[in-house]
């Protein structure tokens, strides 16, 4: 009885070591590391593009408002927004 339990525990222990070894090898796999690195680069690029696009759209909107105010002043219309 004890021999059977010991042999079963030995087999389970061997499977545990094999599983841990496989996990460690997968973490050090160059393909996995490259995939993680490329995912991080993609996130950084999309974050930068979104940030740049937001800054550019704000700058464009500000330039449009400035141009509109300049044209209104040139026509002599003054401030068309109404009372504050």
Protein backbone atom coordinates (compact mmCIF):
# COMPACT_ATOMS: atom_id res chain seq x y z
CA UNK A 1 0.00 0.00 0.00
CA UNK A 2 2.72 2.45 0.97
CA UNK A 3 4.72 1.54 -2.12
CA UNK A 4 1.77 2.40 -4.36
CA UNK A 5 1.28 5.78 -2.69
CA UNK A 6 4.98 6.59 -2.93
CA UNK A 7 5.12 5.63 -6.62
CA UNK A 8 1.98 7.73 -7.32
CA UNK A 9 3.48 10.75 -5.52
CA UNK A 10 6.73 10.27 -7.43
CA UNK A 11 4.87 10.28 -10.73
CA UNK A 12 2.90 13.39 -9.76
CA UNK A 13 6.07 15.12 -8.63
CA UNK A 14 7.69 14.28 -11.96
CA UNK A 15 4.71 15.72 -13.81
CA UNK A 16 4.87 18.86 -11.68
CA UNK A 17 8.55 19.39 -12.48
CA UNK A 18 7.92 18.77 -16.18
CA UNK A 19 5.04 21.29 -16.18
CA UNK A 20 7.14 23.94 -14.41
CA UNK A 21 9.99 23.36 -16.85
CA UNK A 22 7.62 23.81 -19.81
CA UNK A 23 6.24 27.06 -18.38
CA UNK A 24 9.75 28.41 -17.82
CA UNK A 25 10.76 27.46 -21.35
CA UNK A 26 7.65 29.13 -22.80
CA UNK A 27 8.44 32.35 -20.92
CA UNK A 28 11.96 32.36 -22.38
CA UNK A 29 10.79 31.49 -25.88
CA UNK A 30 11.99 34.14 -28.37
CA UNK A 31 8.73 34.00 -30.32
CA UNK A 32 6.70 34.72 -27.19
CA UNK A 33 9.05 37.52 -26.18
CA UNK A 34 8.82 39.08 -29.65
CA UNK A 35 5.01 38.90 -29.59
CA UNK A 36 4.91 40.66 -26.22
CA UNK A 37 7.38 43.28 -27.40
CA UNK A 38 5.42 43.96 -30.61
CA UNK A 39 2.16 44.23 -28.65
CA UNK A 40 3.78 46.81 -26.38
CA UNK A 41 5.11 48.74 -29.38
CA UNK A 42 1.65 48.69 -30.99
CA UNK A 43 0.10 50.06 -27.80
CA UNK A 44 2.74 52.80 -27.55
CA UNK A 45 2.30 53.80 -31.20
CA UNK A 46 -1.49 53.91 -30.97
CA UNK A 47 -1.28 55.95 -27.77
CA UNK A 48 1.16 58.39 -29.43
CA UNK A 49 -0.95 58.64 -32.60
CA UNK A 50 -4.07 59.36 -30.55
CA UNK A 51 -2.24 61.97 -28.50
CA UNK A 52 -0.75 63.60 -31.59
CA UNK A 53 -4.06 63.57 -33.42
CA UNK A 54 -5.77 65.21 -30.46
CA UNK A 55 -3.11 67.92 -30.25
CA UNK A 56 -3.29 68.53 -33.99
CA UNK A 57 -7.09 68.75 -34.00
CA UNK A 58 -7.03 71.24 -31.12
CA UNK A 59 -4.38 73.31 -32.90
CA UNK A 60 -6.40 73.17 -36.12
CA UNK A 61 -9.61 74.21 -34.35
CA UNK A 62 -7.80 77.09 -32.64
CA UNK A 63 -6.35 78.22 -35.95
CA UNK A 64 -9.83 78.07 -37.53
CA UNK A 65 -11.33 80.19 -34.74
CA UNK A 66 -8.52 82.71 -35.03
CA UNK A 67 -9.05 82.92 -38.79
CA UNK A 68 -12.81 83.38 -38.30
CA UNK A 69 -12.27 86.19 -35.80
CA UNK A 70 -9.78 87.85 -38.16
CA UNK A 71 -12.25 87.69 -41.04
CA UNK A 72 -15.06 89.09 -38.88
CA UNK A 73 -12.87 91.99 -37.76
CA UNK A 74 -11.87 92.63 -41.38
CA UNK A 75 -15.55 92.84 -42.39
CA UNK A 76 -16.26 95.15 -39.47
CA UNK A 77 -18.69 92.70 -37.93
CA UNK A 78 -16.99 92.64 -34.57
CA UNK A 79 -18.00 89.93 -32.14
CA UNK A 80 -20.96 87.96 -33.51
CA UNK A 81 -21.35 85.72 -30.47
CA UNK A 82 -23.86 87.91 -28.67
CA UNK A 83 -23.96 89.20 -25.10
CA UNK A 84 -22.15 87.30 -22.36
